[in-house]
């Protein structure tokens, strides 16, 4: 079996090297790894660092001439994936690749989509307002879609490849989370959540999501429900 790991990267010079180290070190059961990094027009030296890291790690490097956003980077990578399953991995160090086996063990015919939830178990949480905003978005989504998800904005999402490739994804930003979840459920697929570890970073460490992204997420939830 082959696991395609998509890593969207925008201005992650301080973390990308360590992240790749952890990704290639992490156990993934009996899965071979295909790692695809999408440099989303970084301006902090990430692009040059990735060129250097190519000689050390076996990954596919794709580039955007202009910044598109997380969703845009994922769509670009999906055109190149060859694995049986696709896992989204942020380029920071908030999510631990050592959780790969737990995610992979949960996937099945009944549950072809797995989310790693920060709200199950005892994962750390970051800024209080962001944690509350995430729970509010999840509550709104569940209310409108009749779902029982605990963490719609988790960075760890695992899909059977044929499913995510055929969803017709449109959005380019962080609202990818809301769009992909809405499309998965509207197609009739079931999502299973498993607890994961989480190590939140601060804005001073490169955290990028903001209040505007939250408003876009709300609109995305409503738009795909109509």
Protein backbone atom coordinates (compact mmCIF):
# COMPACT_ATOMS: atom_id res chain seq x y z
CA UNK A 1 0.00 0.00 0.00
CA UNK A 2 1.14 3.53 -0.74
CA UNK A 3 0.48 6.65 1.34
CA UNK A 4 0.78 10.07 -0.32
CA UNK A 5 1.62 12.79 2.22
CA UNK A 6 0.85 16.33 1.04
CA UNK A 7 2.76 19.14 2.76
CA UNK A 8 1.64 22.69 1.86
CA UNK A 9 4.46 25.08 2.81
CA UNK A 10 4.38 28.88 2.95
CA UNK A 11 7.18 30.71 4.80
CA UNK A 12 8.14 27.72 6.98
CA UNK A 13 11.93 28.04 6.88
CA UNK A 14 12.21 27.53 10.64
CA UNK A 15 10.30 24.23 10.73
CA UNK A 16 10.34 22.51 7.33
CA UNK A 17 13.64 20.71 7.80
CA UNK A 18 12.67 19.23 11.16
CA UNK A 19 9.21 18.39 9.87
CA UNK A 20 10.61 16.43 6.91
CA UNK A 21 12.96 14.63 9.28
CA UNK A 22 10.00 13.54 11.40
CA UNK A 23 7.85 12.58 8.41
CA UNK A 24 10.49 10.25 6.95
CA UNK A 25 11.32 8.82 10.36
CA UNK A 26 7.71 8.14 11.35
CA UNK A 27 6.33 4.63 11.17
CA UNK A 28 3.46 4.15 8.73
CA UNK A 29 2.59 0.48 9.28
CA UNK A 30 3.02 -1.43 6.00
CA UNK A 31 2.61 1.69 3.84
CA UNK A 32 5.20 3.06 1.46
CA UNK A 33 5.46 6.85 1.58
CA UNK A 34 5.19 9.34 -1.23
CA UNK A 35 5.88 12.84 0.08
CA UNK A 36 4.81 15.87 -1.96
CA UNK A 37 5.83 19.34 -0.76
CA UNK A 38 4.18 22.37 -2.36
CA UNK A 39 6.09 25.61 -1.87
CA UNK A 40 3.30 28.19 -2.01
CA UNK A 41 5.49 31.12 -3.19
CA UNK A 42 7.43 31.43 0.08
CA UNK A 43 9.48 34.59 0.59
CA UNK A 44 11.48 33.74 3.71
CA UNK A 45 14.05 31.34 2.25
CA UNK A 46 11.85 28.23 2.43
CA UNK A 47 12.15 27.72 -1.35
CA UNK A 48 15.96 27.75 -1.29
CA UNK A 49 16.04 25.48 1.77
CA UNK A 50 13.77 22.97 0.05
CA UNK A 51 16.17 22.87 -2.90
CA UNK A 52 18.96 21.93 -0.49
CA UNK A 53 16.83 19.36 1.32
CA UNK A 54 16.04 17.55 -1.94
CA UNK A 55 19.46 15.91 -1.78
CA UNK A 56 18.74 14.60 1.71
CA UNK A 57 15.09 13.56 1.55
CA UNK A 58 13.23 11.78 -1.25
CA UNK A 59 10.26 14.06 -1.86
CA UNK A 60 8.48 15.62 -4.84
CA UNK A 61 8.79 19.42 -4.86
CA UNK A 62 6.12 21.52 -6.55
CA UNK A 63 6.02 25.33 -6.67
CA UNK A 64 3.49 28.12 -7.01
CA UNK A 65 4.72 31.34 -8.67
CA UNK A 66 2.10 33.23 -6.62
CA UNK A 67 0.71 32.43 -3.20
CA UNK A 68 -2.61 30.55 -3.44
CA UNK A 69 -3.24 29.27 0.07
CA UNK A 70 -3.46 25.89 1.77
CA UNK A 71 -6.37 24.64 -0.32
CA UNK A 72 -4.66 25.72 -3.52
CA UNK A 73 -1.49 23.87 -2.56
CA UNK A 74 -3.44 20.71 -1.78
CA UNK A 75 -5.21 20.83 -5.15
CA UNK A 76 -1.87 21.21 -6.93
CA UNK A 77 -0.44 18.19 -5.09
CA UNK A 78 -3.53 16.07 -5.80
CA UNK A 79 -2.71 16.24 -9.50
CA UNK A 80 0.53 14.33 -8.79
CA UNK A 81 -0.38 11.82 -6.06
CA UNK A 82 -0.03 8.12 -6.89
CA UNK A 83 -0.80 6.62 -3.48
CA UNK A 84 -3.82 4.63 -2.36
CA UNK A 85 -4.45 7.12 0.44
CA UNK A 86 -3.77 10.83 0.92
CA UNK A 87 -2.78 12.48 4.20
CA UNK A 88 -2.53 16.23 4.76
CA UNK A 89 0.48 17.30 6.85
CA UNK A 90 1.05 20.95 7.82
CA UNK A 91 4.62 22.21 7.42
CA UNK A 92 4.85 23.48 10.99
CA UNK A 93 5.45 21.26 14.02
CA UNK A 94 1.95 21.43 15.51
CA UNK A 95 1.08 17.88 14.39
CA UNK A 96 3.15 14.79 15.18
CA UNK A 97 3.91 12.30 12.35
CA UNK A 98 4.19 9.61 15.01
CA UNK A 99 0.38 9.62 14.93
CA UNK A 100 0.36 8.22 11.37
CA UNK A 101 -0.17 4.59 12.48
CA UNK A 102 -3.21 5.54 14.57
CA UNK A 103 -4.77 7.35 11.61
CA UNK A 104 -4.00 4.53 9.17
CA UNK A 105 -5.30 1.81 11.48
CA UNK A 106 -8.68 3.55 11.64
CA UNK A 107 -9.36 3.64 7.90
CA UNK A 108 -11.76 1.00 6.54
CA UNK A 109 -14.45 0.38 3.94
CA UNK A 110 -17.02 1.77 6.36
CA UNK A 111 -14.86 4.79 7.22
CA UNK A 112 -12.75 5.80 4.18
CA UNK A 113 -12.04 9.25 5.66
CA UNK A 114 -10.26 9.74 8.99
CA UNK A 115 -9.80 12.98 10.93
CA UNK A 116 -7.33 13.37 13.78
CA UNK A 117 -9.21 15.28 16.47
CA UNK A 118 -7.59 17.63 18.96
CA UNK A 119 -10.78 17.57 21.01
CA UNK A 120 -10.66 13.86 21.78
CA UNK A 121 -8.15 12.82 24.40
CA UNK A 122 -5.87 15.35 26.08
CA UNK A 123 -4.21 17.33 23.30
CA UNK A 124 -2.83 20.76 24.14
CA UNK A 125 -4.73 23.81 22.88
CA UNK A 126 -3.34 27.17 21.84
CA UNK A 127 -4.91 30.62 22.05
CA UNK A 128 -8.25 30.47 23.89
CA UNK A 129 -10.08 32.56 21.28
CA UNK A 130 -8.85 30.32 18.46
CA UNK A 131 -9.86 27.19 20.34
CA UNK A 132 -13.33 28.63 20.94
CA UNK A 133 -13.59 29.74 17.30
CA UNK A 134 -12.70 26.24 16.12
CA UNK A 135 -15.33 24.69 18.36
CA UNK A 136 -17.88 27.24 17.18
CA UNK A 137 -17.21 26.46 13.52
CA UNK A 138 -17.52 22.76 14.29
CA UNK A 139 -20.80 23.35 16.14
CA UNK A 140 -22.21 25.38 13.22
CA UNK A 141 -21.18 22.72 10.74
CA UNK A 142 -22.74 19.93 12.78
CA UNK A 143 -25.94 21.94 13.18
CA UNK A 144 -26.35 22.55 9.46
CA UNK A 145 -25.17 19.15 8.21
CA UNK A 146 -26.48 16.87 10.96
CA UNK A 147 -22.94 15.66 11.66
CA UNK A 148 -21.16 14.72 14.87
CA UNK A 149 -17.63 15.91 14.16
CA UNK A 150 -15.54 17.24 17.05
CA UNK A 151 -12.76 19.04 15.13
CA UNK A 152 -13.50 20.22 11.60
CA UNK A 153 -10.33 22.34 11.38
CA UNK A 154 -7.84 19.66 12.30
CA UNK A 155 -4.67 19.59 10.23
CA UNK A 156 -4.71 15.79 10.05
CA UNK A 157 -7.13 14.54 7.42
CA UNK A 158 -6.70 11.14 5.75
CA UNK A 159 -8.63 10.14 2.62
CA UNK A 160 -8.88 7.26 0.24
CA UNK A 161 -7.32 8.81 -2.86
CA UNK A 162 -10.20 8.24 -5.25
CA UNK A 163 -12.54 10.03 -2.86
CA UNK A 164 -10.60 13.27 -2.43
CA UNK A 165 -9.63 13.41 -6.10
CA UNK A 166 -13.27 13.25 -7.18
CA UNK A 167 -14.74 15.83 -4.79
CA UNK A 168 -14.32 18.75 -7.19
CA UNK A 169 -12.59 20.98 -4.64
CA UNK A 170 -12.75 24.71 -5.41
CA UNK A 171 -11.46 26.76 -2.47
CA UNK A 172 -7.85 27.88 -2.10
CA UNK A 173 -7.49 29.01 1.51
CA UNK A 174 -7.87 27.60 5.01
CA UNK A 175 -11.58 27.10 4.25
CA UNK A 176 -10.43 23.89 2.56
CA UNK A 177 -11.35 22.21 5.86
CA UNK A 178 -14.98 23.26 5.68
CA UNK A 179 -15.34 22.60 1.96
CA UNK A 180 -13.77 19.15 1.94
CA UNK A 181 -15.82 18.03 4.96
CA UNK A 182 -19.04 19.28 3.41
CA UNK A 183 -18.33 17.56 0.10
CA UNK A 184 -17.35 14.28 1.77
CA UNK A 185 -20.58 14.11 3.75
CA UNK A 186 -22.77 15.21 0.84
CA UNK A 187 -21.25 12.36 -1.21
CA UNK A 188 -22.41 9.96 1.49
CA UNK A 189 -19.01 8.99 2.91
CA UNK A 190 -18.53 8.54 6.66
CA UNK A 191 -15.82 10.27 8.68
CA UNK A 192 -14.22 8.67 11.72
CA UNK A 193 -12.20 10.68 14.23
CA UNK A 194 -9.28 9.51 16.35
CA UNK A 195 -7.46 11.44 19.09
CA UNK A 196 -4.11 13.01 18.15
CA UNK A 197 -1.36 15.01 19.79
CA UNK A 198 -1.14 18.74 19.14
CA UNK A 199 1.59 21.28 19.90
CA UNK A 200 0.18 24.76 19.15
CA UNK A 201 2.52 27.52 18.05
CA UNK A 202 2.22 31.28 18.56
CA UNK A 203 1.98 34.06 15.99
CA UNK A 204 5.58 34.93 16.83
CA UNK A 205 6.49 31.41 15.71
CA UNK A 206 4.72 31.71 12.35
CA UNK A 207 1.04 30.93 12.99
CA UNK A 208 -0.91 32.35 10.04
CA UNK A 209 -4.67 31.84 10.40
CA UNK A 210 -6.62 34.97 11.41
CA UNK A 211 -10.08 36.41 12.10
CA UNK A 212 -10.83 36.93 8.40
CA UNK A 213 -10.22 33.21 7.77
CA UNK A 214 -12.91 32.47 10.35
CA UNK A 215 -15.46 34.59 8.52
CA UNK A 216 -14.61 32.89 5.21
CA UNK A 217 -15.02 29.51 6.94
CA UNK A 218 -18.52 30.46 8.14
CA UNK A 219 -19.54 31.51 4.63
CA UNK A 220 -18.10 28.28 3.20
CA UNK A 221 -20.13 26.15 5.64
CA UNK A 222 -23.32 27.97 4.69
CA UNK A 223 -22.57 28.08 0.94
CA UNK A 224 -22.03 24.34 0.57
CA UNK A 225 -25.11 23.55 2.63
CA UNK A 226 -27.43 25.56 0.38
